[in-house]
Amino acid sequence: MMPLTLGVRRRNYLGWNWGTYIELSIDAIGHGVLKGREGPSICIPELANSDSESHQCQALEEYLERNTRVVTQLYKALTSKEAQPLHGLVAQDLEWWFHGPPHHRHHLVPWLTGSSLPSSKALVPEHVVGFGPVVIAEGFDEAHLVWWVHAWTVADDGLITQVKEYVNTSVTVQVLPNASNSKSQCIWQSRLCHESVPGLILAI
């Protein structure tokens, strides 16, 4: 049995609420069981610089395509009847953050543990876009009136190491100021959520 660890940090609308870590044990058929425990956070390696500008552009394009492909494959695996949906896609230590109404806190976790019905369309993304190691996916669960955004972090080895789950929250992705740009830039915004839901800025 291969263990996975979900490092849980829950956030509600009133502020940060630090939760417990959860151990996700994957059995022979790819299903999981959650067990509470403590665990470490994850360090994400940076993309290495290329020797030339053209090689750098090509490497970046391939990097973005690979990361987006990994996340797309993950959703297909989670919503299919594959025997071992997480193996080869998710790191043994997966950190999970949540922001949204508390009663929707377990919207994504059942899929990661294999306890949701694979025939459900609740986890089919309508938009998937990559920004370096972070891949944003957005969808709508019509049966439960849940707008969701998932921000997945893909490491250099192609394994997903972190997911930030936003439920019934309008997400704006911004690039932080750097040496070449002194201002933050908005590069993505939620498209599906209702205008009345709370908003949140995700800085990358």
N, C-alpha and C. Protein backbone atom coordinates (compact mmCIF):
# COMPACT_ATOMS: atom_id res chain seq x y z
N MET A 1 0.84 -1.20 0.00
CA MET A 1 0.00 0.00 0.00
C MET A 1 0.87 1.25 0.00
N MET A 2 0.65 2.14 -0.95
CA MET A 2 1.45 3.36 -1.03
C MET A 2 0.76 4.50 -0.30
N PRO A 3 1.39 5.14 0.71
CA PRO A 3 0.76 6.24 1.43
C PRO A 3 0.94 7.56 0.71
N LEU A 4 -0.09 8.39 0.70
CA LEU A 4 0.00 9.78 0.28
C LEU A 4 -0.35 10.64 1.47
N THR A 5 0.20 11.83 1.53
CA THR A 5 -0.10 12.71 2.65
C THR A 5 -0.70 14.00 2.13
N LEU A 6 -1.88 14.34 2.62
CA LEU A 6 -2.50 15.61 2.29
C LEU A 6 -2.26 16.57 3.43
N GLY A 7 -1.46 17.61 3.20
CA GLY A 7 -1.25 18.62 4.22
C GLY A 7 -2.37 19.63 4.16
N VAL A 8 -3.21 19.67 5.15
CA VAL A 8 -4.43 20.45 5.08
C VAL A 8 -4.27 21.79 5.77
N ARG A 9 -4.55 22.87 5.04
CA ARG A 9 -4.65 24.19 5.65
C ARG A 9 -5.97 24.78 5.17
N ARG A 10 -6.93 24.85 6.05
CA ARG A 10 -8.26 25.31 5.66
C ARG A 10 -8.38 26.81 5.89
N ARG A 11 -9.07 27.47 4.97
CA ARG A 11 -9.31 28.89 5.13
C ARG A 11 -10.79 29.16 4.96
N ASN A 12 -11.36 29.96 5.88
CA ASN A 12 -12.75 30.34 5.73
C ASN A 12 -12.83 31.83 5.42
N TYR A 13 -14.03 32.37 5.34
CA TYR A 13 -14.18 33.77 4.95
C TYR A 13 -13.74 34.74 6.03
N LEU A 14 -13.54 34.25 7.25
CA LEU A 14 -13.18 35.14 8.35
C LEU A 14 -11.68 35.19 8.59
N GLY A 15 -10.91 34.32 7.95
CA GLY A 15 -9.46 34.32 8.15
C GLY A 15 -8.90 32.92 8.08
N TRP A 16 -7.60 32.81 8.38
CA TRP A 16 -6.95 31.51 8.29
C TRP A 16 -7.36 30.60 9.44
N ASN A 17 -7.60 29.37 9.11
CA ASN A 17 -7.91 28.34 10.10
C ASN A 17 -7.01 27.15 9.82
N TRP A 18 -5.96 27.00 10.61
CA TRP A 18 -4.99 25.95 10.35
C TRP A 18 -5.54 24.61 10.79
N GLY A 19 -5.62 23.67 9.88
CA GLY A 19 -6.19 22.37 10.18
C GLY A 19 -5.13 21.32 10.43
N THR A 20 -5.53 20.08 10.51
CA THR A 20 -4.61 18.97 10.73
C THR A 20 -4.16 18.39 9.40
N TYR A 21 -3.08 17.64 9.46
CA TYR A 21 -2.66 16.92 8.26
C TYR A 21 -3.45 15.63 8.15
N ILE A 22 -3.59 15.16 6.94
CA ILE A 22 -4.38 13.97 6.69
C ILE A 22 -3.55 12.97 5.89
N GLU A 23 -3.49 11.76 6.34
CA GLU A 23 -2.79 10.70 5.60
C GLU A 23 -3.77 10.01 4.68
N LEU A 24 -3.41 9.95 3.41
CA LEU A 24 -4.26 9.30 2.41
C LEU A 24 -3.56 8.02 1.97
N SER A 25 -4.03 6.88 2.40
CA SER A 25 -3.43 5.60 2.05
C SER A 25 -4.12 5.02 0.83
N ILE A 26 -3.33 4.77 -0.21
CA ILE A 26 -3.88 4.25 -1.45
C ILE A 26 -3.76 2.73 -1.46
N ASP A 27 -4.88 2.04 -1.70
CA ASP A 27 -4.84 0.58 -1.72
C ASP A 27 -4.55 0.06 -3.12
N ALA A 28 -4.65 -1.23 -3.31
CA ALA A 28 -4.25 -1.86 -4.57
C ALA A 28 -5.09 -1.44 -5.75
N ILE A 29 -6.31 -0.98 -5.52
CA ILE A 29 -7.16 -0.57 -6.63
C ILE A 29 -7.27 0.94 -6.74
N GLY A 30 -6.40 1.65 -6.04
CA GLY A 30 -6.34 3.09 -6.21
C GLY A 30 -7.29 3.87 -5.35
N HIS A 31 -7.97 3.23 -4.41
CA HIS A 31 -8.85 3.95 -3.51
C HIS A 31 -8.09 4.34 -2.27
N GLY A 32 -8.64 5.25 -1.48
CA GLY A 32 -7.89 5.74 -0.33
C GLY A 32 -8.73 5.85 0.92
N VAL A 33 -8.03 5.89 2.06
CA VAL A 33 -8.66 6.06 3.36
C VAL A 33 -7.95 7.19 4.08
N LEU A 34 -8.70 8.14 4.62
CA LEU A 34 -8.11 9.29 5.30
C LEU A 34 -7.86 8.97 6.77
N LYS A 35 -6.67 9.33 7.25
CA LYS A 35 -6.31 9.17 8.65
C LYS A 35 -5.60 10.43 9.12
N GLY A 36 -6.06 11.01 10.22
CA GLY A 36 -5.45 12.24 10.71
C GLY A 36 -4.05 12.01 11.27
N ARG A 37 -3.12 12.91 10.94
CA ARG A 37 -1.78 12.89 11.50
C ARG A 37 -1.10 14.21 11.17
N GLU A 38 0.08 14.43 11.73
CA GLU A 38 0.85 15.61 11.40
C GLU A 38 1.81 15.30 10.27
N GLY A 39 2.20 16.32 9.52
CA GLY A 39 3.13 16.09 8.42
C GLY A 39 3.78 17.38 7.97
N PRO A 40 4.79 17.27 7.11
CA PRO A 40 5.54 18.45 6.66
C PRO A 40 4.87 19.16 5.50
N SER A 41 5.28 20.39 5.24
CA SER A 41 4.85 21.11 4.05
C SER A 41 5.78 20.74 2.90
N ILE A 42 5.43 21.21 1.71
CA ILE A 42 6.15 20.80 0.51
C ILE A 42 6.93 21.98 -0.07
N CYS A 43 8.17 21.74 -0.50
CA CYS A 43 8.97 22.74 -1.19
C CYS A 43 8.90 22.46 -2.68
N ILE A 44 8.58 23.49 -3.48
CA ILE A 44 8.44 23.32 -4.91
C ILE A 44 9.71 23.79 -5.60
N PRO A 45 10.42 22.95 -6.38
CA PRO A 45 11.62 23.39 -7.08
C PRO A 45 11.28 24.33 -8.22
N GLU A 46 12.20 25.24 -8.56
CA GLU A 46 12.00 26.21 -9.63
C GLU A 46 12.43 25.62 -10.97
N LEU A 47 11.87 26.16 -12.04
CA LEU A 47 12.25 25.76 -13.39
C LEU A 47 13.65 26.27 -13.69
N ALA A 48 14.55 25.40 -14.16
CA ALA A 48 15.93 25.79 -14.45
C ALA A 48 15.99 26.72 -15.65
N ASN A 49 16.94 27.66 -15.64
CA ASN A 49 17.12 28.60 -16.74
C ASN A 49 17.80 27.92 -17.92
N SER A 50 17.41 28.28 -19.14
CA SER A 50 18.03 27.75 -20.35
C SER A 50 19.21 28.64 -20.75
N ASP A 51 20.06 28.12 -21.65
CA ASP A 51 21.27 28.84 -22.03
C ASP A 51 20.99 30.01 -22.96
N SER A 52 20.01 29.91 -23.81
CA SER A 52 19.72 30.97 -24.77
C SER A 52 18.25 31.34 -24.71
N GLU A 53 17.93 32.51 -25.29
CA GLU A 53 16.55 32.99 -25.25
C GLU A 53 15.61 32.07 -26.01
N SER A 54 16.04 31.60 -27.19
CA SER A 54 15.18 30.72 -27.98
C SER A 54 14.95 29.39 -27.28
N HIS A 55 16.03 28.85 -26.71
CA HIS A 55 15.89 27.60 -25.96
C HIS A 55 15.02 27.79 -24.73
N GLN A 56 15.14 28.97 -24.12
CA GLN A 56 14.34 29.26 -22.94
C GLN A 56 12.86 29.32 -23.28
N CYS A 57 12.53 29.98 -24.40
CA CYS A 57 11.14 30.08 -24.83
C CYS A 57 10.57 28.70 -25.16
N GLN A 58 11.37 27.89 -25.86
CA GLN A 58 10.93 26.54 -26.21
C GLN A 58 10.75 25.69 -24.96
N ALA A 59 11.71 25.80 -24.04
CA ALA A 59 11.62 25.03 -22.80
C ALA A 59 10.41 25.44 -21.98
N LEU A 60 10.12 26.75 -21.94
CA LEU A 60 8.97 27.23 -21.18
C LEU A 60 7.67 26.74 -21.79
N GLU A 61 7.59 26.77 -23.13
CA GLU A 61 6.38 26.30 -23.81
C GLU A 61 6.14 24.82 -23.53
N GLU A 62 7.20 24.03 -23.63
CA GLU A 62 7.08 22.60 -23.35
C GLU A 62 6.73 22.35 -21.89
N TYR A 63 7.28 23.18 -21.02
CA TYR A 63 7.02 23.06 -19.58
C TYR A 63 5.55 23.33 -19.28
N LEU A 64 5.00 24.40 -19.86
CA LEU A 64 3.59 24.73 -19.65
C LEU A 64 2.68 23.65 -20.22
N GLU A 65 3.01 23.16 -21.41
CA GLU A 65 2.20 22.12 -22.03
C GLU A 65 2.21 20.84 -21.20
N ARG A 66 3.39 20.49 -20.68
CA ARG A 66 3.48 19.29 -19.87
C ARG A 66 2.66 19.41 -18.60
N ASN A 67 2.78 20.55 -17.91
CA ASN A 67 2.05 20.74 -16.65
C ASN A 67 0.55 20.71 -16.88
N THR A 68 0.09 21.37 -17.94
CA THR A 68 -1.34 21.37 -18.26
C THR A 68 -1.81 19.97 -18.61
N ARG A 69 -0.98 19.23 -19.33
CA ARG A 69 -1.33 17.86 -19.70
C ARG A 69 -1.43 16.96 -18.47
N VAL A 70 -0.52 17.14 -17.51
CA VAL A 70 -0.55 16.35 -16.28
C VAL A 70 -1.86 16.56 -15.53
N VAL A 71 -2.27 17.83 -15.40
CA VAL A 71 -3.51 18.13 -14.67
C VAL A 71 -4.72 17.61 -15.42
N THR A 72 -4.72 17.76 -16.74
CA THR A 72 -5.83 17.24 -17.54
C THR A 72 -5.94 15.72 -17.39
N GLN A 73 -4.79 15.04 -17.39
CA GLN A 73 -4.79 13.59 -17.19
C GLN A 73 -5.31 13.22 -15.81
N LEU A 74 -5.00 14.05 -14.82
CA LEU A 74 -5.48 13.78 -13.46
C LEU A 74 -7.00 13.80 -13.40
N TYR A 75 -7.63 14.82 -14.00
CA TYR A 75 -9.09 14.89 -13.98
C TYR A 75 -9.70 13.70 -14.73
N LYS A 76 -9.10 13.31 -15.84
CA LYS A 76 -9.61 12.15 -16.58
C LYS A 76 -9.51 10.89 -15.74
N ALA A 77 -8.39 10.76 -15.01
CA ALA A 77 -8.20 9.58 -14.17
C ALA A 77 -9.17 9.55 -13.01
N LEU A 78 -9.39 10.72 -12.38
CA LEU A 78 -10.27 10.78 -11.22
C LEU A 78 -11.72 10.49 -11.58
N THR A 79 -12.12 10.85 -12.79
CA THR A 79 -13.51 10.67 -13.20
C THR A 79 -13.72 9.40 -14.02
N SER A 80 -12.69 8.58 -14.13
CA SER A 80 -12.80 7.33 -14.89
C SER A 80 -12.82 6.14 -13.92
N LYS A 81 -12.77 4.96 -14.47
CA LYS A 81 -12.78 3.74 -13.65
C LYS A 81 -11.41 3.07 -13.67
N GLU A 82 -10.35 3.87 -13.84
CA GLU A 82 -9.01 3.30 -13.84
C GLU A 82 -8.69 2.71 -12.47
N ALA A 83 -7.88 1.66 -12.47
CA ALA A 83 -7.60 0.95 -11.22
C ALA A 83 -6.77 1.78 -10.26
N GLN A 84 -5.78 2.51 -10.77
CA GLN A 84 -4.89 3.29 -9.92
C GLN A 84 -4.79 4.71 -10.46
N PRO A 85 -5.81 5.53 -10.23
CA PRO A 85 -5.89 6.84 -10.86
C PRO A 85 -4.81 7.82 -10.44
N LEU A 86 -4.27 7.72 -9.22
CA LEU A 86 -3.34 8.73 -8.73
C LEU A 86 -1.88 8.38 -8.96
N HIS A 87 -1.57 7.13 -9.12
CA HIS A 87 -0.18 6.72 -9.25
C HIS A 87 0.43 7.28 -10.53
N GLY A 88 1.60 7.88 -10.41
CA GLY A 88 2.29 8.47 -11.54
C GLY A 88 1.89 9.90 -11.83
N LEU A 89 0.87 10.41 -11.15
CA LEU A 89 0.41 11.79 -11.36
C LEU A 89 0.56 12.65 -10.11
N VAL A 90 0.38 12.06 -8.94
CA VAL A 90 0.39 12.80 -7.68
C VAL A 90 1.56 12.32 -6.82
N ALA A 91 2.27 13.27 -6.20
CA ALA A 91 3.37 12.93 -5.32
C ALA A 91 2.87 12.23 -4.07
N GLN A 92 3.76 11.51 -3.41
CA GLN A 92 3.37 10.80 -2.19
C GLN A 92 2.91 11.78 -1.11
N ASP A 93 3.47 12.99 -1.10
CA ASP A 93 3.06 14.03 -0.16
C ASP A 93 2.35 15.13 -0.93
N LEU A 94 1.05 15.17 -0.82
CA LEU A 94 0.24 16.17 -1.53
C LEU A 94 -0.32 17.15 -0.52
N GLU A 95 -0.04 18.43 -0.69
CA GLU A 95 -0.55 19.45 0.22
C GLU A 95 -1.85 20.02 -0.34
N TRP A 96 -2.87 20.10 0.51
CA TRP A 96 -4.20 20.55 0.08
C TRP A 96 -4.64 21.74 0.92
N TRP A 97 -5.01 22.83 0.24
CA TRP A 97 -5.57 24.01 0.90
C TRP A 97 -7.03 24.12 0.48
N PHE A 98 -7.84 24.70 1.38
CA PHE A 98 -9.25 24.89 1.05
C PHE A 98 -9.69 26.29 1.44
N HIS A 99 -10.52 26.90 0.57
CA HIS A 99 -11.16 28.18 0.87
C HIS A 99 -12.58 28.12 0.35
N GLY A 100 -13.54 28.37 1.24
CA GLY A 100 -14.93 28.36 0.83
C GLY A 100 -15.84 28.04 2.00
N PRO A 101 -17.14 27.90 1.75
CA PRO A 101 -18.08 27.55 2.81
C PRO A 101 -17.69 26.22 3.46
N PRO A 102 -17.71 26.14 4.78
CA PRO A 102 -17.27 24.92 5.48
C PRO A 102 -18.02 23.66 5.05
N HIS A 103 -19.30 23.78 4.71
CA HIS A 103 -20.06 22.57 4.36
C HIS A 103 -19.67 22.00 3.00
N HIS A 104 -18.84 22.74 2.23
CA HIS A 104 -18.33 22.22 0.96
C HIS A 104 -16.86 21.81 1.08
N ARG A 105 -16.38 21.67 2.31
CA ARG A 105 -14.96 21.41 2.54
C ARG A 105 -14.51 20.07 1.96
N HIS A 106 -15.43 19.15 1.78
CA HIS A 106 -15.06 17.83 1.27
C HIS A 106 -15.51 17.63 -0.17
N HIS A 107 -15.53 18.69 -0.95
CA HIS A 107 -15.96 18.57 -2.34
C HIS A 107 -14.91 17.84 -3.18
N LEU A 108 -13.63 18.16 -3.01
CA LEU A 108 -12.57 17.54 -3.80
C LEU A 108 -12.00 16.28 -3.16
N VAL A 109 -11.89 16.27 -1.83
CA VAL A 109 -11.21 15.18 -1.13
C VAL A 109 -11.77 13.80 -1.48
N PRO A 110 -13.11 13.60 -1.58
CA PRO A 110 -13.61 12.27 -1.94
C PRO A 110 -13.08 11.76 -3.28
N TRP A 111 -12.82 12.68 -4.20
CA TRP A 111 -12.26 12.25 -5.49
C TRP A 111 -10.83 11.76 -5.31
N LEU A 112 -10.07 12.45 -4.47
CA LEU A 112 -8.68 12.05 -4.23
C LEU A 112 -8.60 10.73 -3.48
N THR A 113 -9.61 10.44 -2.67
CA THR A 113 -9.61 9.18 -1.91
C THR A 113 -10.34 8.06 -2.64
N GLY A 114 -10.97 8.36 -3.78
CA GLY A 114 -11.65 7.33 -4.54
C GLY A 114 -13.02 6.97 -4.02
N SER A 115 -13.62 7.84 -3.19
CA SER A 115 -14.92 7.51 -2.61
C SER A 115 -16.09 8.13 -3.36
N SER A 116 -15.82 8.90 -4.45
CA SER A 116 -16.89 9.47 -5.25
C SER A 116 -17.20 8.57 -6.44
N LEU A 117 -18.42 8.66 -6.94
CA LEU A 117 -18.82 7.87 -8.09
C LEU A 117 -18.11 8.39 -9.34
N PRO A 118 -17.42 7.52 -10.10
CA PRO A 118 -16.69 7.98 -11.27
C PRO A 118 -17.59 8.47 -12.38
N SER A 119 -18.88 8.17 -12.34
CA SER A 119 -19.79 8.59 -13.40
C SER A 119 -20.23 10.04 -13.24
N SER A 120 -19.95 10.65 -12.08
CA SER A 120 -20.39 12.02 -11.83
C SER A 120 -19.64 13.00 -12.71
N LYS A 121 -20.33 14.07 -13.13
CA LYS A 121 -19.72 15.12 -13.94
C LYS A 121 -19.31 16.33 -13.10
N ALA A 122 -19.34 16.18 -11.78
CA ALA A 122 -19.07 17.31 -10.90
C ALA A 122 -17.63 17.78 -10.97
N LEU A 123 -16.72 16.94 -11.45
CA LEU A 123 -15.30 17.29 -11.45
C LEU A 123 -14.73 17.41 -12.85
N VAL A 124 -15.56 17.73 -13.82
CA VAL A 124 -15.09 17.94 -15.19
C VAL A 124 -14.82 19.42 -15.38
N PRO A 125 -13.55 19.83 -15.57
CA PRO A 125 -13.23 21.26 -15.71
C PRO A 125 -13.67 21.81 -17.06
N GLU A 126 -14.12 23.07 -17.05
CA GLU A 126 -14.47 23.75 -18.29
C GLU A 126 -13.30 24.57 -18.82
N HIS A 127 -12.40 24.97 -17.93
CA HIS A 127 -11.22 25.73 -18.32
C HIS A 127 -10.00 25.17 -17.60
N VAL A 128 -8.90 24.98 -18.33
CA VAL A 128 -7.62 24.57 -17.75
C VAL A 128 -6.54 25.42 -18.39
N VAL A 129 -5.76 26.14 -17.58
CA VAL A 129 -4.72 27.03 -18.10
C VAL A 129 -3.51 26.98 -17.18
N GLY A 130 -2.31 26.99 -17.76
CA GLY A 130 -1.09 26.88 -16.97
C GLY A 130 -0.33 28.19 -16.88
N PHE A 131 0.26 28.44 -15.72
CA PHE A 131 1.12 29.58 -15.48
C PHE A 131 2.38 29.08 -14.76
N GLY A 132 3.37 28.65 -15.52
CA GLY A 132 4.57 28.08 -14.90
C GLY A 132 4.23 26.79 -14.20
N PRO A 133 4.64 26.62 -12.94
CA PRO A 133 4.35 25.38 -12.21
C PRO A 133 2.91 25.28 -11.73
N VAL A 134 2.15 26.38 -11.83
CA VAL A 134 0.76 26.41 -11.35
C VAL A 134 -0.20 26.24 -12.52
N VAL A 135 -1.13 25.30 -12.39
CA VAL A 135 -2.16 25.08 -13.40
C VAL A 135 -3.52 25.32 -12.76
N ILE A 136 -4.30 26.21 -13.37
CA ILE A 136 -5.62 26.57 -12.86
C ILE A 136 -6.69 25.81 -13.64
N ALA A 137 -7.62 25.19 -12.91
CA ALA A 137 -8.76 24.51 -13.52
C ALA A 137 -10.03 25.04 -12.87
N GLU A 138 -11.06 25.24 -13.69
CA GLU A 138 -12.32 25.80 -13.19
C GLU A 138 -13.49 24.98 -13.71
N GLY A 139 -14.48 24.76 -12.84
CA GLY A 139 -15.65 24.01 -13.25
C GLY A 139 -16.86 24.35 -12.40
N PHE A 140 -17.98 23.71 -12.72
CA PHE A 140 -19.24 23.97 -12.02
C PHE A 140 -19.94 22.66 -11.76
N ASP A 141 -20.25 22.41 -10.50
CA ASP A 141 -21.02 21.23 -10.08
C ASP A 141 -22.48 21.63 -10.02
N GLU A 142 -23.20 21.37 -11.09
CA GLU A 142 -24.60 21.82 -11.20
C GLU A 142 -25.49 21.15 -10.17
N ALA A 143 -25.21 19.90 -9.84
CA ALA A 143 -26.06 19.16 -8.91
C ALA A 143 -26.04 19.77 -7.52
N HIS A 144 -24.89 20.33 -7.12
CA HIS A 144 -24.76 20.89 -5.77
C HIS A 144 -24.58 22.41 -5.78
N LEU A 145 -24.72 23.03 -6.96
CA LEU A 145 -24.55 24.48 -7.11
C LEU A 145 -23.21 24.94 -6.53
N VAL A 146 -22.16 24.28 -6.96
CA VAL A 146 -20.81 24.59 -6.49
C VAL A 146 -19.95 25.05 -7.66
N TRP A 147 -19.46 26.29 -7.56
CA TRP A 147 -18.44 26.78 -8.49
C TRP A 147 -17.09 26.47 -7.87
N TRP A 148 -16.20 25.85 -8.60
CA TRP A 148 -14.91 25.49 -8.01
C TRP A 148 -13.75 25.90 -8.90
N VAL A 149 -12.66 26.26 -8.25
CA VAL A 149 -11.38 26.55 -8.90
C VAL A 149 -10.31 25.76 -8.16
N HIS A 150 -9.49 25.03 -8.91
CA HIS A 150 -8.37 24.28 -8.33
C HIS A 150 -7.07 24.83 -8.89
N ALA A 151 -6.14 25.17 -8.02
CA ALA A 151 -4.81 25.61 -8.42
C ALA A 151 -3.82 24.51 -8.08
N TRP A 152 -3.37 23.78 -9.09
CA TRP A 152 -2.47 22.65 -8.90
C TRP A 152 -1.02 23.09 -9.11
N THR A 153 -0.12 22.62 -8.27
CA THR A 153 1.31 22.88 -8.45
C THR A 153 1.98 21.60 -8.94
N VAL A 154 2.65 21.71 -10.09
CA VAL A 154 3.34 20.57 -10.69
C VAL A 154 4.84 20.76 -10.53
N ALA A 155 5.52 19.81 -9.92
CA ALA A 155 6.96 19.90 -9.69
C ALA A 155 7.72 19.60 -10.98
N ASP A 156 9.05 19.81 -10.94
CA ASP A 156 9.88 19.60 -12.12
C ASP A 156 9.86 18.15 -12.60
N ASP A 157 9.59 17.22 -11.70
CA ASP A 157 9.55 15.81 -12.10
C ASP A 157 8.21 15.40 -12.68
N GLY A 158 7.27 16.37 -12.81
CA GLY A 158 5.98 16.08 -13.41
C GLY A 158 4.92 15.58 -12.47
N LEU A 159 5.22 15.53 -11.17
CA LEU A 159 4.24 15.09 -10.19
C LEU A 159 3.56 16.28 -9.53
N ILE A 160 2.27 16.15 -9.27
CA ILE A 160 1.51 17.19 -8.59
C ILE A 160 1.82 17.14 -7.10
N THR A 161 2.23 18.27 -6.54
CA THR A 161 2.63 18.30 -5.13
C THR A 161 1.69 19.12 -4.26
N GLN A 162 0.85 19.95 -4.86
CA GLN A 162 -0.03 20.81 -4.06
C GLN A 162 -1.29 21.15 -4.84
N VAL A 163 -2.40 21.29 -4.13
CA VAL A 163 -3.63 21.78 -4.74
C VAL A 163 -4.28 22.76 -3.77
N LYS A 164 -4.71 23.89 -4.31
CA LYS A 164 -5.49 24.87 -3.56
C LYS A 164 -6.90 24.85 -4.14
N GLU A 165 -7.86 24.52 -3.29
CA GLU A 165 -9.25 24.37 -3.72
C GLU A 165 -10.06 25.58 -3.26
N TYR A 166 -10.74 26.22 -4.22
CA TYR A 166 -11.60 27.37 -3.93
C TYR A 166 -13.02 27.01 -4.36
N VAL A 167 -13.95 27.09 -3.42
CA VAL A 167 -15.34 26.73 -3.68
C VAL A 167 -16.23 27.94 -3.48
N ASN A 168 -17.11 28.21 -4.47
CA ASN A 168 -18.00 29.37 -4.43
C ASN A 168 -17.23 30.63 -4.06
N THR A 169 -16.10 30.80 -4.73
CA THR A 169 -15.21 31.94 -4.52
C THR A 169 -14.73 32.44 -5.87
N SER A 170 -14.78 33.75 -6.09
CA SER A 170 -14.25 34.33 -7.31
C SER A 170 -12.75 34.52 -7.15
N VAL A 171 -11.97 33.86 -7.99
CA VAL A 171 -10.51 33.86 -7.87
C VAL A 171 -9.90 34.75 -8.95
N THR A 172 -8.98 35.61 -8.54
CA THR A 172 -8.18 36.42 -9.45
C THR A 172 -6.72 36.05 -9.27
N VAL A 173 -6.06 35.65 -10.35
CA VAL A 173 -4.65 35.27 -10.29
C VAL A 173 -3.80 36.46 -10.70
N GLN A 174 -2.85 36.82 -9.85
CA GLN A 174 -1.97 37.95 -10.12
C GLN A 174 -0.52 37.53 -10.02
N VAL A 175 0.32 38.13 -10.89
CA VAL A 175 1.76 37.93 -10.83
C VAL A 175 2.34 39.01 -9.94
N LEU A 176 3.15 38.61 -8.97
CA LEU A 176 3.75 39.57 -8.04
C LEU A 176 4.77 40.45 -8.74
N PRO A 177 5.01 41.67 -8.22
CA PRO A 177 6.02 42.56 -8.80
C PRO A 177 7.40 41.90 -8.80
N ASN A 178 8.20 42.23 -9.82
CA ASN A 178 9.56 41.71 -9.90
C ASN A 178 10.49 42.80 -10.43
N ALA A 179 11.71 42.42 -10.79
CA ALA A 179 12.71 43.40 -11.22
C ALA A 179 12.30 44.11 -12.50
N SER A 180 11.58 43.42 -13.38
CA SER A 180 11.18 44.01 -14.66
C SER A 180 9.83 44.69 -14.61
N ASN A 181 9.05 44.46 -13.56
CA ASN A 181 7.72 45.06 -13.47
C ASN A 181 7.44 45.39 -12.01
N SER A 182 7.20 46.67 -11.73
CA SER A 182 7.02 47.11 -10.35
C SER A 182 5.60 46.95 -9.84
N LYS A 183 4.66 46.53 -10.72
CA LYS A 183 3.27 46.39 -10.33
C LYS A 183 2.78 44.95 -10.51
N SER A 184 1.81 44.59 -9.71
CA SER A 184 1.18 43.28 -9.88
C SER A 184 0.34 43.27 -11.14
N GLN A 185 0.28 42.13 -11.82
CA GLN A 185 -0.49 42.01 -13.04
C GLN A 185 -1.54 40.91 -12.90
N CYS A 186 -2.77 41.23 -13.30
CA CYS A 186 -3.83 40.23 -13.31
C CYS A 186 -3.70 39.39 -14.58
N ILE A 187 -3.56 38.08 -14.44
CA ILE A 187 -3.38 37.22 -15.60
C ILE A 187 -4.54 36.24 -15.80
N TRP A 188 -5.45 36.13 -14.82
CA TRP A 188 -6.59 35.22 -14.96
C TRP A 188 -7.65 35.57 -13.94
N GLN A 189 -8.93 35.39 -14.32
CA GLN A 189 -10.05 35.59 -13.40
C GLN A 189 -11.09 34.50 -13.60
N SER A 190 -11.81 34.19 -12.52
CA SER A 190 -12.89 33.21 -12.60
C SER A 190 -13.93 33.66 -13.63
N ARG A 191 -14.45 32.70 -14.39
CA ARG A 191 -15.43 33.01 -15.41
C ARG A 191 -16.82 32.46 -15.10
N LEU A 192 -16.88 31.42 -14.29
CA LEU A 192 -18.13 30.69 -14.12
C LEU A 192 -18.92 31.07 -12.89
N CYS A 193 -18.25 31.62 -11.86
CA CYS A 193 -18.91 31.83 -10.57
C CYS A 193 -19.92 32.97 -10.63
N HIS A 194 -20.85 32.94 -9.68
CA HIS A 194 -21.87 33.98 -9.56
C HIS A 194 -21.24 35.25 -9.01
N GLU A 195 -21.77 36.41 -9.42
CA GLU A 195 -21.19 37.69 -9.01
C GLU A 195 -21.30 37.94 -7.51
N SER A 196 -22.21 37.26 -6.84
CA SER A 196 -22.44 37.53 -5.42
C SER A 196 -21.45 36.80 -4.49
N VAL A 197 -20.62 35.91 -5.02
CA VAL A 197 -19.71 35.15 -4.16
C VAL A 197 -18.52 36.01 -3.76
N PRO A 198 -17.88 35.69 -2.62
CA PRO A 198 -16.70 36.45 -2.19
C PRO A 198 -15.55 36.31 -3.18
N GLY A 199 -14.66 37.31 -3.19
CA GLY A 199 -13.52 37.29 -4.08
C GLY A 199 -12.22 37.06 -3.33
N LEU A 200 -11.22 36.53 -4.05
CA LEU A 200 -9.92 36.25 -3.45
C LEU A 200 -8.85 36.40 -4.51
N ILE A 201 -7.69 36.93 -4.12
CA ILE A 201 -6.55 37.08 -5.03
C ILE A 201 -5.53 35.99 -4.75
N LEU A 202 -5.14 35.27 -5.79
CA LEU A 202 -4.09 34.25 -5.70
C LEU A 202 -2.85 34.81 -6.36
N ALA A 203 -1.80 35.06 -5.58
CA ALA A 203 -0.55 35.62 -6.09
C ALA A 203 0.42 34.50 -6.43
N ILE A 204 1.01 34.58 -7.62
CA ILE A 204 1.99 33.57 -8.02
C ILE A 204 3.26 34.26 -8.53
